[in-house]
Amino acid sequence: MLIWDNAPWHKCQEVKDFLNTDLGKRLWLANTPAYSPELNRSGEPS
C-alpha cells in the first residue's frame, strides 16, 4: 500500500511510468487531499 497526498510531483511522468511497471502494478494507492490536517492522528490518545 502506498499512501500519498496528491502533490503535483506525485503525478509526474516518472511516477506514472513506474506505476505501469510490474512492480508498480502491485501497489495499492490510497490518495489523500494535498492538505488534510484533520487526517493527522498526532495528539490523539492511543
N, C-alpha and C. Protein backbone atom coordinates (compact mmCIF):
# COMPACT_ATOMS: atom_id res chain seq x y z
N MET A 1 0.85 -1.17 0.00
CA MET A 1 0.00 0.00 0.00
C MET A 1 0.90 1.23 0.00
N LEU A 2 0.52 2.20 -0.77
CA LEU A 2 1.22 3.47 -0.84
C LEU A 2 0.20 4.57 -0.57
N ILE A 3 0.46 5.35 0.45
CA ILE A 3 -0.43 6.47 0.79
C ILE A 3 0.28 7.75 0.37
N TRP A 4 -0.40 8.56 -0.42
CA TRP A 4 0.22 9.83 -0.81
C TRP A 4 -0.83 10.93 -0.83
N ASP A 5 -0.34 12.16 -0.97
CA ASP A 5 -1.18 13.33 -0.78
C ASP A 5 -1.54 14.07 -2.06
N ASN A 6 -1.38 13.45 -3.20
CA ASN A 6 -1.73 14.08 -4.49
C ASN A 6 -0.94 15.33 -4.80
N ALA A 7 0.26 15.44 -4.25
CA ALA A 7 1.12 16.57 -4.60
C ALA A 7 1.47 16.49 -6.08
N PRO A 8 1.72 17.62 -6.72
CA PRO A 8 1.98 17.61 -8.17
C PRO A 8 3.12 16.69 -8.60
N TRP A 9 4.17 16.59 -7.78
CA TRP A 9 5.30 15.74 -8.18
C TRP A 9 4.96 14.26 -8.11
N HIS A 10 3.87 13.90 -7.46
CA HIS A 10 3.44 12.50 -7.46
C HIS A 10 2.78 12.12 -8.79
N LYS A 11 2.50 13.10 -9.60
CA LYS A 11 1.81 12.85 -10.87
C LYS A 11 2.72 13.04 -12.07
N CYS A 12 4.03 13.16 -11.82
CA CYS A 12 4.98 13.38 -12.92
C CYS A 12 5.09 12.12 -13.77
N GLN A 13 5.67 12.26 -14.94
CA GLN A 13 5.77 11.13 -15.88
C GLN A 13 6.60 9.99 -15.31
N GLU A 14 7.65 10.31 -14.55
CA GLU A 14 8.48 9.26 -13.96
C GLU A 14 7.67 8.36 -13.03
N VAL A 15 6.79 8.95 -12.23
CA VAL A 15 5.94 8.17 -11.32
C VAL A 15 4.94 7.36 -12.13
N LYS A 16 4.33 7.97 -13.13
CA LYS A 16 3.38 7.25 -13.97
C LYS A 16 4.04 6.05 -14.65
N ASP A 17 5.27 6.27 -15.13
CA ASP A 17 5.99 5.16 -15.78
C ASP A 17 6.25 4.03 -14.79
N PHE A 18 6.65 4.38 -13.56
CA PHE A 18 6.89 3.34 -12.55
C PHE A 18 5.61 2.58 -12.23
N LEU A 19 4.50 3.30 -12.09
CA LEU A 19 3.24 2.64 -11.74
C LEU A 19 2.76 1.72 -12.84
N ASN A 20 3.27 1.88 -14.05
CA ASN A 20 2.91 0.99 -15.17
C ASN A 20 3.84 -0.21 -15.28
N THR A 21 4.84 -0.32 -14.39
CA THR A 21 5.72 -1.49 -14.39
C THR A 21 5.04 -2.61 -13.61
N ASP A 22 5.60 -3.82 -13.73
CA ASP A 22 5.04 -4.95 -12.97
C ASP A 22 5.05 -4.68 -11.47
N LEU A 23 6.14 -4.11 -10.97
CA LEU A 23 6.22 -3.79 -9.54
C LEU A 23 5.21 -2.70 -9.17
N GLY A 24 5.12 -1.68 -9.98
CA GLY A 24 4.19 -0.59 -9.71
C GLY A 24 2.74 -1.05 -9.71
N LYS A 25 2.41 -2.02 -10.55
CA LYS A 25 1.03 -2.53 -10.62
C LYS A 25 0.67 -3.35 -9.40
N ARG A 26 1.66 -3.73 -8.59
CA ARG A 26 1.39 -4.49 -7.37
C ARG A 26 1.02 -3.58 -6.20
N LEU A 27 1.20 -2.27 -6.38
CA LEU A 27 0.89 -1.32 -5.32
C LEU A 27 -0.59 -0.97 -5.31
N TRP A 28 -1.11 -0.75 -4.12
CA TRP A 28 -2.46 -0.21 -3.97
C TRP A 28 -2.29 1.21 -3.50
N LEU A 29 -2.84 2.17 -4.23
CA LEU A 29 -2.67 3.58 -3.92
C LEU A 29 -3.84 4.10 -3.11
N ALA A 30 -3.52 4.78 -2.03
CA ALA A 30 -4.54 5.44 -1.21
C ALA A 30 -4.26 6.93 -1.27
N ASN A 31 -5.10 7.66 -1.96
CA ASN A 31 -4.91 9.10 -2.13
C ASN A 31 -5.58 9.87 -1.00
N THR A 32 -4.88 10.88 -0.51
CA THR A 32 -5.44 11.81 0.46
C THR A 32 -5.37 13.20 -0.14
N PRO A 33 -6.14 14.13 0.38
CA PRO A 33 -6.05 15.50 -0.12
C PRO A 33 -4.65 16.07 0.11
N ALA A 34 -4.25 17.04 -0.71
CA ALA A 34 -2.92 17.64 -0.56
C ALA A 34 -2.76 18.29 0.81
N TYR A 35 -3.80 18.86 1.36
CA TYR A 35 -3.75 19.46 2.70
C TYR A 35 -4.89 18.85 3.49
N SER A 36 -4.57 18.05 4.48
CA SER A 36 -5.63 17.37 5.24
C SER A 36 -5.24 17.22 6.71
N PRO A 37 -5.15 18.33 7.45
CA PRO A 37 -4.74 18.23 8.85
C PRO A 37 -5.71 17.41 9.69
N GLU A 38 -6.95 17.31 9.26
CA GLU A 38 -7.93 16.53 10.02
C GLU A 38 -7.62 15.04 9.99
N LEU A 39 -6.77 14.61 9.05
CA LEU A 39 -6.38 13.21 8.97
C LEU A 39 -5.14 12.90 9.80
N ASN A 40 -4.53 13.92 10.37
CA ASN A 40 -3.34 13.75 11.20
C ASN A 40 -3.78 13.25 12.57
N ARG A 41 -3.37 12.05 12.94
CA ARG A 41 -3.80 11.45 14.19
C ARG A 41 -2.89 11.83 15.36
N SER A 42 -1.89 12.64 15.14
CA SER A 42 -0.99 13.00 16.24
C SER A 42 -1.77 13.75 17.31
N GLY A 43 -1.43 13.46 18.53
CA GLY A 43 -2.12 14.11 19.64
C GLY A 43 -3.33 13.35 20.14
N GLU A 44 -3.80 12.37 19.39
CA GLU A 44 -4.93 11.57 19.85
C GLU A 44 -4.43 10.47 20.77
N PRO A 45 -5.22 10.11 21.78
CA PRO A 45 -4.81 9.01 22.65
C PRO A 45 -4.73 7.69 21.88
N SER A 46 -3.77 6.86 22.24
CA SER A 46 -3.61 5.58 21.56
C SER A 46 -4.59 4.57 22.07
